[in-house]
């Protein structure tokens, strides 16, 4: 069973939450268009760096999905090997 990686944490939302928990913000085309928080707005470079750390963390975990979980998450059934 050869499964591709499914990233559950990787994304701008998670990166922003880690950088500025609870901040209210909006983003469009990699530009923060609304920032409603007293802390300084992170740069997109900071956001991307955190996203890469999240991805590296998820890549380091040997997650094994059940076939029904894989199908639910991806919409694609896992091919079952025929007994020889």
PDB file of N, CA and C in Angstrom:
ATOM      1  N   UNK A   1       0.856  -1.165   0.000  1.00  0.00           N
ATOM      2  CA  UNK A   1       0.000   0.000   0.000  1.00  0.00           C
ATOM      3  C   UNK A   1       0.905   1.231   0.000  1.00  0.00           C
ATOM      4  N   UNK A   2       0.912   1.972  -1.078  1.00  0.00           N
ATOM      5  CA  UNK A   2       1.767   3.143  -1.209  1.00  0.00           C
ATOM      6  C   UNK A   2       0.908   4.392  -1.045  1.00  0.00           C
ATOM      7  N   UNK A   3       1.030   5.037   0.094  1.00  0.00           N
ATOM      8  CA  UNK A   3       0.220   6.214   0.370  1.00  0.00           C
ATOM      9  C   UNK A   3       1.053   7.473   0.236  1.00  0.00           C
ATOM     10  N   UNK A   4       0.450   8.481  -0.374  1.00  0.00           N
ATOM     11  CA  UNK A   4       1.081   9.791  -0.418  1.00  0.00           C
ATOM     12  C   UNK A   4       0.875  10.444   0.950  1.00  0.00           C
ATOM     13  N   UNK A   5       1.622  11.468   1.221  1.00  0.00           N
ATOM     14  CA  UNK A   5       1.490  12.172   2.492  1.00  0.00           C
ATOM     15  C   UNK A   5       0.244  13.059   2.463  1.00  0.00           C
ATOM     16  N   UNK A   6      -0.506  13.019   3.535  1.00  0.00           N
ATOM     17  CA  UNK A   6      -1.639  13.922   3.717  1.00  0.00           C
ATOM     18  C   UNK A   6      -1.235  14.883   4.825  1.00  0.00           C
ATOM     19  N   UNK A   7      -1.232  16.163   4.507  1.00  0.00           N
ATOM     20  CA  UNK A   7      -0.846  17.171   5.495  1.00  0.00           C
ATOM     21  C   UNK A   7      -2.090  17.674   6.215  1.00  0.00           C
ATOM     22  N   UNK A   8      -2.142  17.417   7.523  1.00  0.00           N
ATOM     23  CA  UNK A   8      -3.304  17.808   8.321  1.00  0.00           C
ATOM     24  C   UNK A   8      -3.089  19.157   9.006  1.00  0.00           C
ATOM     25  N   UNK A   9      -1.842  19.524   9.264  1.00  0.00           N
ATOM     26  CA  UNK A   9      -1.541  20.764   9.981  1.00  0.00           C
ATOM     27  C   UNK A   9      -0.985  21.856   9.075  1.00  0.00           C
ATOM     28  N   UNK A  10      -0.380  21.462   7.968  1.00  0.00           N
ATOM     29  CA  UNK A  10       0.300  22.386   7.065  1.00  0.00           C
ATOM     30  C   UNK A  10      -0.688  23.365   6.442  1.00  0.00           C
ATOM     31  N   UNK A  11      -0.423  24.646   6.592  1.00  0.00           N
ATOM     32  CA  UNK A  11      -1.257  25.659   5.966  1.00  0.00           C
ATOM     33  C   UNK A  11      -1.038  27.024   6.584  1.00  0.00           C
ATOM     34  N   UNK A  12      -1.545  28.030   5.905  1.00  0.00           N
ATOM     35  CA  UNK A  12      -1.408  29.412   6.375  1.00  0.00           C
ATOM     36  C   UNK A  12      -2.122  29.600   7.707  1.00  0.00           C
ATOM     37  N   UNK A  13      -3.323  29.022   7.849  1.00  0.00           N
ATOM     38  CA  UNK A  13      -4.077  29.197   9.092  1.00  0.00           C
ATOM     39  C   UNK A  13      -3.280  28.721  10.304  1.00  0.00           C
ATOM     40  N   UNK A  14      -2.693  27.539  10.199  1.00  0.00           N
ATOM     41  CA  UNK A  14      -1.929  26.997  11.316  1.00  0.00           C
ATOM     42  C   UNK A  14      -0.685  27.844  11.581  1.00  0.00           C
ATOM     43  N   UNK A  15       0.006  28.231  10.515  1.00  0.00           N
ATOM     44  CA  UNK A  15       1.204  29.062  10.680  1.00  0.00           C
ATOM     45  C   UNK A  15       0.857  30.388  11.361  1.00  0.00           C
ATOM     46  N   UNK A  16      -0.217  31.018  10.922  1.00  0.00           N
ATOM     47  CA  UNK A  16      -0.621  32.291  11.530  1.00  0.00           C
ATOM     48  C   UNK A  16      -1.010  32.095  12.990  1.00  0.00           C
ATOM     49  N   UNK A  17      -1.696  31.000  13.294  1.00  0.00           N
ATOM     50  CA  UNK A  17      -2.076  30.739  14.677  1.00  0.00           C
ATOM     51  C   UNK A  17      -0.842  30.526  15.564  1.00  0.00           C
ATOM     52  N   UNK A  18       0.162  29.848  15.037  1.00  0.00           N
ATOM     53  CA  UNK A  18       1.386  29.637  15.804  1.00  0.00           C
ATOM     54  C   UNK A  18       2.154  30.947  16.003  1.00  0.00           C
ATOM     55  N   UNK A  19       2.157  31.799  14.980  1.00  0.00           N
ATOM     56  CA  UNK A  19       2.879  33.068  15.064  1.00  0.00           C
ATOM     57  C   UNK A  19       2.159  34.100  15.929  1.00  0.00           C
ATOM     58  N   UNK A  20       0.837  34.212  15.745  1.00  0.00           N
ATOM     59  CA  UNK A  20       0.052  35.217  16.461  1.00  0.00           C
ATOM     60  C   UNK A  20      -1.284  34.609  16.901  1.00  0.00           C
ATOM     61  N   UNK A  21      -1.266  33.783  17.955  1.00  0.00           N
ATOM     62  CA  UNK A  21      -2.492  33.116  18.399  1.00  0.00           C
ATOM     63  C   UNK A  21      -3.639  34.111  18.631  1.00  0.00           C
ATOM     64  N   UNK A  22      -4.778  33.804  18.050  1.00  0.00           N
ATOM     65  CA  UNK A  22      -5.975  34.612  18.252  1.00  0.00           C
ATOM     66  C   UNK A  22      -6.085  35.860  17.401  1.00  0.00           C
ATOM     67  N   UNK A  23      -5.078  36.156  16.582  1.00  0.00           N
ATOM     68  CA  UNK A  23      -5.139  37.355  15.736  1.00  0.00           C
ATOM     69  C   UNK A  23      -6.268  37.225  14.715  1.00  0.00           C
ATOM     70  N   UNK A  24      -6.853  38.359  14.371  1.00  0.00           N
ATOM     71  CA  UNK A  24      -7.880  38.414  13.314  1.00  0.00           C
ATOM     72  C   UNK A  24      -7.195  38.967  12.074  1.00  0.00           C
ATOM     73  N   UNK A  25      -7.286  38.198  10.990  1.00  0.00           N
ATOM     74  CA  UNK A  25      -6.580  38.583   9.780  1.00  0.00           C
ATOM     75  C   UNK A  25      -7.288  38.013   8.561  1.00  0.00           C
ATOM     76  N   UNK A  26      -6.960  38.556   7.414  1.00  0.00           N
ATOM     77  CA  UNK A  26      -7.411  38.039   6.120  1.00  0.00           C
ATOM     78  C   UNK A  26      -6.228  38.121   5.172  1.00  0.00           C
ATOM     79  N   UNK A  27      -6.217  37.191   4.226  1.00  0.00           N
ATOM     80  CA  UNK A  27      -5.122  37.150   3.263  1.00  0.00           C
ATOM     81  C   UNK A  27      -5.701  36.931   1.869  1.00  0.00           C
ATOM     82  N   UNK A  28      -5.088  37.565   0.882  1.00  0.00           N
ATOM     83  CA  UNK A  28      -5.498  37.391  -0.513  1.00  0.00           C
ATOM     84  C   UNK A  28      -4.252  37.433  -1.382  1.00  0.00           C
ATOM     85  N   UNK A  29      -4.056  36.398  -2.184  1.00  0.00           N
ATOM     86  CA  UNK A  29      -2.897  36.331  -3.084  1.00  0.00           C
ATOM     87  C   UNK A  29      -1.575  36.575  -2.343  1.00  0.00           C
ATOM     88  N   UNK A  30      -1.407  35.905  -1.215  1.00  0.00           N
ATOM     89  CA  UNK A  30      -0.195  35.995  -0.403  1.00  0.00           C
ATOM     90  C   UNK A  30       0.067  37.398   0.152  1.00  0.00           C
ATOM     91  N   UNK A  31      -0.990  38.189   0.285  1.00  0.00           N
ATOM     92  CA  UNK A  31      -0.876  39.521   0.885  1.00  0.00           C
ATOM     93  C   UNK A  31      -1.882  39.597   2.026  1.00  0.00           C
ATOM     94  N   UNK A  32      -1.412  39.975   3.197  1.00  0.00           N
ATOM     95  CA  UNK A  32      -2.316  40.150   4.338  1.00  0.00           C
ATOM     96  C   UNK A  32      -3.087  41.437   4.092  1.00  0.00           C
ATOM     97  N   UNK A  33      -4.392  41.305   3.899  1.00  0.00           N
ATOM     98  CA  UNK A  33      -5.230  42.452   3.543  1.00  0.00           C
ATOM     99  C   UNK A  33      -5.960  43.041   4.747  1.00  0.00           C
ATOM    100  N   UNK A  34      -6.023  42.304   5.839  1.00  0.00           N
ATOM    101  CA  UNK A  34      -6.645  42.805   7.068  1.00  0.00           C
ATOM    102  C   UNK A  34      -5.826  42.298   8.243  1.00  0.00           C
ATOM    103  N   UNK A  35      -5.491  43.209   9.144  1.00  0.00           N
ATOM    104  CA  UNK A  35      -4.768  42.828  10.345  1.00  0.00           C
ATOM    105  C   UNK A  35      -5.399  43.535  11.522  1.00  0.00           C
ATOM    106  N   UNK A  36      -6.073  42.769  12.380  1.00  0.00           N
ATOM    107  CA  UNK A  36      -6.763  43.339  13.534  1.00  0.00           C
ATOM    108  C   UNK A  36      -6.167  42.712  14.790  1.00  0.00           C
ATOM    109  N   UNK A  37      -4.995  43.220  15.175  1.00  0.00           N
ATOM    110  CA  UNK A  37      -4.290  42.686  16.334  1.00  0.00           C
ATOM    111  C   UNK A  37      -3.243  43.717  16.749  1.00  0.00           C
ATOM    112  N   UNK A  38      -3.028  43.899  18.054  1.00  0.00           N
ATOM    113  CA  UNK A  38      -2.048  44.903  18.485  1.00  0.00           C
ATOM    114  C   UNK A  38      -0.594  44.484  18.240  1.00  0.00           C
ATOM    115  N   UNK A  39      -0.350  43.206  18.039  1.00  0.00           N
ATOM    116  CA  UNK A  39       1.008  42.735  17.774  1.00  0.00           C
ATOM    117  C   UNK A  39       1.377  43.028  16.330  1.00  0.00           C
ATOM    118  N   UNK A  40       2.675  43.116  16.038  1.00  0.00           N
ATOM    119  CA  UNK A  40       3.073  43.363  14.646  1.00  0.00           C
ATOM    120  C   UNK A  40       2.663  42.213  13.727  1.00  0.00           C
ATOM    121  N   UNK A  41       2.265  42.591  12.557  1.00  0.00           N
ATOM    122  CA  UNK A  41       1.857  41.618  11.530  1.00  0.00           C
ATOM    123  C   UNK A  41       3.088  40.832  11.073  1.00  0.00           C
ATOM    124  N   UNK A  42       3.000  39.494  10.986  1.00  0.00           N
ATOM    125  CA  UNK A  42       4.152  38.735  10.481  1.00  0.00           C
ATOM    126  C   UNK A  42       4.333  38.971   8.984  1.00  0.00           C
ATOM    127  N   UNK A  43       5.538  38.795   8.532  1.00  0.00           N
ATOM    128  CA  UNK A  43       5.782  38.899   7.090  1.00  0.00           C
ATOM    129  C   UNK A  43       5.386  37.577   6.435  1.00  0.00           C
ATOM    130  N   UNK A  44       5.161  37.593   5.150  1.00  0.00           N
ATOM    131  CA  UNK A  44       4.852  36.358   4.433  1.00  0.00           C
ATOM    132  C   UNK A  44       6.050  35.420   4.466  1.00  0.00           C
ATOM    133  N   UNK A  45       7.250  35.970   4.543  1.00  0.00           N
ATOM    134  CA  UNK A  45       8.444  35.118   4.672  1.00  0.00           C
ATOM    135  C   UNK A  45       8.392  34.340   5.989  1.00  0.00           C
ATOM    136  N   UNK A  46       7.999  35.011   7.077  1.00  0.00           N
ATOM    137  CA  UNK A  46       7.855  34.325   8.369  1.00  0.00           C
ATOM    138  C   UNK A  46       6.791  33.231   8.287  1.00  0.00           C
ATOM    139  N   UNK A  47       5.673  33.551   7.654  1.00  0.00           N
ATOM    140  CA  UNK A  47       4.584  32.580   7.511  1.00  0.00           C
ATOM    141  C   UNK A  47       5.063  31.364   6.730  1.00  0.00           C
ATOM    142  N   UNK A  48       5.760  31.600   5.619  1.00  0.00           N
ATOM    143  CA  UNK A  48       6.267  30.485   4.796  1.00  0.00           C
ATOM    144  C   UNK A  48       7.286  29.636   5.561  1.00  0.00           C
ATOM    145  N   UNK A  49       8.144  30.281   6.355  1.00  0.00           N
ATOM    146  CA  UNK A  49       9.137  29.543   7.152  1.00  0.00           C
ATOM    147  C   UNK A  49       8.433  28.618   8.149  1.00  0.00           C
ATOM    148  N   UNK A  50       7.394  29.118   8.811  1.00  0.00           N
ATOM    149  CA  UNK A  50       6.662  28.292   9.763  1.00  0.00           C
ATOM    150  C   UNK A  50       5.955  27.156   9.021  1.00  0.00           C
ATOM    151  N   UNK A  51       5.397  27.441   7.857  1.00  0.00           N
ATOM    152  CA  UNK A  51       4.733  26.395   7.071  1.00  0.00           C
ATOM    153  C   UNK A  51       5.716  25.287   6.712  1.00  0.00           C
ATOM    154  N   UNK A  52       6.941  25.634   6.350  1.00  0.00           N
ATOM    155  CA  UNK A  52       7.941  24.618   6.014  1.00  0.00           C
ATOM    156  C   UNK A  52       8.316  23.792   7.243  1.00  0.00           C
ATOM    157  N   UNK A  53       8.355  24.417   8.410  1.00  0.00           N
ATOM    158  CA  UNK A  53       8.633  23.672   9.650  1.00  0.00           C
ATOM    159  C   UNK A  53       7.487  22.699   9.948  1.00  0.00           C
ATOM    160  N   UNK A  54       6.272  23.158   9.731  1.00  0.00           N
ATOM    161  CA  UNK A  54       5.106  22.287   9.941  1.00  0.00           C
ATOM    162  C   UNK A  54       5.184  21.088   8.992  1.00  0.00           C
ATOM    163  N   UNK A  55       5.492  21.357   7.731  1.00  0.00           N
ATOM    164  CA  UNK A  55       5.580  20.285   6.734  1.00  0.00           C
ATOM    165  C   UNK A  55       6.674  19.291   7.103  1.00  0.00           C
ATOM    166  N   UNK A  56       7.833  19.790   7.528  1.00  0.00           N
ATOM    167  CA  UNK A  56       8.932  18.904   7.927  1.00  0.00           C
ATOM    168  C   UNK A  56       8.523  18.050   9.122  1.00  0.00           C
ATOM    169  N   UNK A  57       7.802  18.640  10.067  1.00  0.00           N
ATOM    170  CA  UNK A  57       7.312  17.888  11.219  1.00  0.00           C
ATOM    171  C   UNK A  57       6.374  16.776  10.770  1.00  0.00           C
ATOM    172  N   UNK A  58       5.413  17.112   9.909  1.00  0.00           N
ATOM    173  CA  UNK A  58       4.466  16.092   9.440  1.00  0.00           C
ATOM    174  C   UNK A  58       5.172  15.015   8.623  1.00  0.00           C
ATOM    175  N   UNK A  59       6.167  15.397   7.830  1.00  0.00           N
ATOM    176  CA  UNK A  59       6.930  14.410   7.052  1.00  0.00           C
ATOM    177  C   UNK A  59       7.690  13.445   7.960  1.00  0.00           C
ATOM    178  N   UNK A  60       8.032  13.888   9.178  1.00  0.00           N
ATOM    179  CA  UNK A  60       8.822  13.056  10.083  1.00  0.00           C
ATOM    180  C   UNK A  60       7.988  12.000  10.809  1.00  0.00           C
ATOM    181  N   UNK A  61       6.687  12.033  10.646  1.00  0.00           N
ATOM    182  CA  UNK A  61       5.802  11.109  11.350  1.00  0.00           C
ATOM    183  C   UNK A  61       5.354  10.008  10.394  1.00  0.00           C
ATOM    184  N   UNK A  62       5.505   8.772  10.810  1.00  0.00           N
ATOM    185  CA  UNK A  62       5.124   7.626   9.988  1.00  0.00           C
ATOM    186  C   UNK A  62       3.645   7.294  10.212  1.00  0.00           C
ATOM    187  N   UNK A  63       2.787   8.104   9.642  1.00  0.00           N
ATOM    188  CA  UNK A  63       1.345   7.898   9.801  1.00  0.00           C
ATOM    189  C   UNK A  63       0.886   6.757   8.907  1.00  0.00           C
ATOM    190  N   UNK A  64       0.088   5.861   9.463  1.00  0.00           N
ATOM    191  CA  UNK A  64      -0.484   4.756   8.699  1.00  0.00           C
ATOM    192  C   UNK A  64      -2.004   4.887   8.778  1.00  0.00           C
ATOM    193  N   UNK A  65      -2.630   5.102   7.632  1.00  0.00           N
ATOM    194  CA  UNK A  65      -4.076   5.278   7.552  1.00  0.00           C
ATOM    195  C   UNK A  65      -4.770   3.947   7.315  1.00  0.00           C
ATOM    196  N   UNK A  66      -5.931   3.789   7.897  1.00  0.00           N
ATOM    197  CA  UNK A  66      -6.794   2.666   7.553  1.00  0.00           C
ATOM    198  C   UNK A  66      -7.389   2.949   6.177  1.00  0.00           C
ATOM    199  N   UNK A  67      -7.724   1.914   5.398  1.00  0.00           N
ATOM    200  CA  UNK A  67      -8.270   2.148   4.060  1.00  0.00           C
ATOM    201  C   UNK A  67      -9.498   3.064   4.069  1.00  0.00           C
ATOM    202  N   UNK A  68     -10.388   2.887   5.042  1.00  0.00           N
ATOM    203  CA  UNK A  68     -11.585   3.734   5.074  1.00  0.00           C
ATOM    204  C   UNK A  68     -11.249   5.184   5.430  1.00  0.00           C
ATOM    205  N   UNK A  69     -10.217   5.403   6.234  1.00  0.00           N
ATOM    206  CA  UNK A  69      -9.782   6.768   6.549  1.00  0.00           C
ATOM    207  C   UNK A  69      -9.193   7.435   5.303  1.00  0.00           C
ATOM    208  N   UNK A  70      -8.350   6.682   4.595  1.00  0.00           N
ATOM    209  CA  UNK A  70      -7.737   7.190   3.369  1.00  0.00           C
ATOM    210  C   UNK A  70      -8.819   7.571   2.356  1.00  0.00           C
ATOM    211  N   UNK A  71      -9.783   6.686   2.182  1.00  0.00           N
ATOM    212  CA  UNK A  71     -10.864   6.949   1.232  1.00  0.00           C
ATOM    213  C   UNK A  71     -11.653   8.192   1.633  1.00  0.00           C
ATOM    214  N   UNK A  72     -11.920   8.348   2.923  1.00  0.00           N
ATOM    215  CA  UNK A  72     -12.677   9.509   3.396  1.00  0.00           C
ATOM    216  C   UNK A  72     -11.906  10.807   3.191  1.00  0.00           C
ATOM    217  N   UNK A  73     -10.611  10.781   3.475  1.00  0.00           N
ATOM    218  CA  UNK A  73      -9.794  11.984   3.362  1.00  0.00           C
ATOM    219  C   UNK A  73      -9.499  12.379   1.919  1.00  0.00           C
ATOM    220  N   UNK A  74      -9.313  11.397   1.067  1.00  0.00           N
ATOM    221  CA  UNK A  74      -8.885  11.685  -0.307  1.00  0.00           C
ATOM    222  C   UNK A  74      -9.964  11.487  -1.354  1.00  0.00           C
ATOM    223  N   UNK A  75     -11.007  10.739  -1.000  1.00  0.00           N
ATOM    224  CA  UNK A  75     -12.015  10.392  -1.992  1.00  0.00           C
ATOM    225  C   UNK A  75     -11.553   9.288  -2.925  1.00  0.00           C
ATOM    226  N   UNK A  76     -10.390   8.688  -2.606  1.00  0.00           N
ATOM    227  CA  UNK A  76      -9.833   7.628  -3.449  1.00  0.00           C
ATOM    228  C   UNK A  76      -9.628   6.371  -2.612  1.00  0.00           C
ATOM    229  N   UNK A  77     -10.209   5.265  -3.043  1.00  0.00           N
ATOM    230  CA  UNK A  77      -9.981   4.023  -2.291  1.00  0.00           C
ATOM    231  C   UNK A  77      -8.539   3.547  -2.467  1.00  0.00           C
ATOM    232  N   UNK A  78      -8.032   2.855  -1.466  1.00  0.00           N
ATOM    233  CA  UNK A  78      -6.706   2.239  -1.563  1.00  0.00           C
ATOM    234  C   UNK A  78      -6.881   0.914  -2.287  1.00  0.00           C
ATOM    235  N   UNK A  79      -6.006   0.692  -3.260  1.00  0.00           N
ATOM    236  CA  UNK A  79      -6.081  -0.577  -4.003  1.00  0.00           C
ATOM    237  C   UNK A  79      -5.615  -1.698  -3.093  1.00  0.00           C
ATOM    238  N   UNK A  80      -6.430  -2.719  -2.985  1.00  0.00           N
ATOM    239  CA  UNK A  80      -6.068  -3.875  -2.179  1.00  0.00           C
ATOM    240  C   UNK A  80      -5.312  -4.862  -3.052  1.00  0.00           C
ATOM    241  N   UNK A  81      -4.236  -5.436  -2.481  1.00  0.00           N
ATOM    242  CA  UNK A  81      -3.451  -6.427  -3.223  1.00  0.00           C
ATOM    243  C   UNK A  81      -4.157  -7.762  -3.164  1.00  0.00           C
ATOM    244  N   UNK A  82      -4.165  -8.412  -4.293  1.00  0.00           N
ATOM    245  CA  UNK A  82      -4.759  -9.752  -4.389  1.00  0.00           C
ATOM    246  C   UNK A  82      -3.825 -10.771  -3.742  1.00  0.00           C
ATOM    247  N   UNK A  83      -4.390 -11.745  -3.061  1.00  0.00           N
ATOM    248  CA  UNK A  83      -3.576 -12.818  -2.477  1.00  0.00           C
ATOM    249  C   UNK A  83      -3.008 -13.672  -3.606  1.00  0.00           C
ATOM    250  N   UNK A  84      -1.746 -14.063  -3.485  1.00  0.00           N
ATOM    251  CA  UNK A  84      -1.080 -14.830  -4.543  1.00  0.00           C
ATOM    252  C   UNK A  84      -1.445 -16.291  -4.485  1.00  0.00           C
TER     253      UNK A  84
END
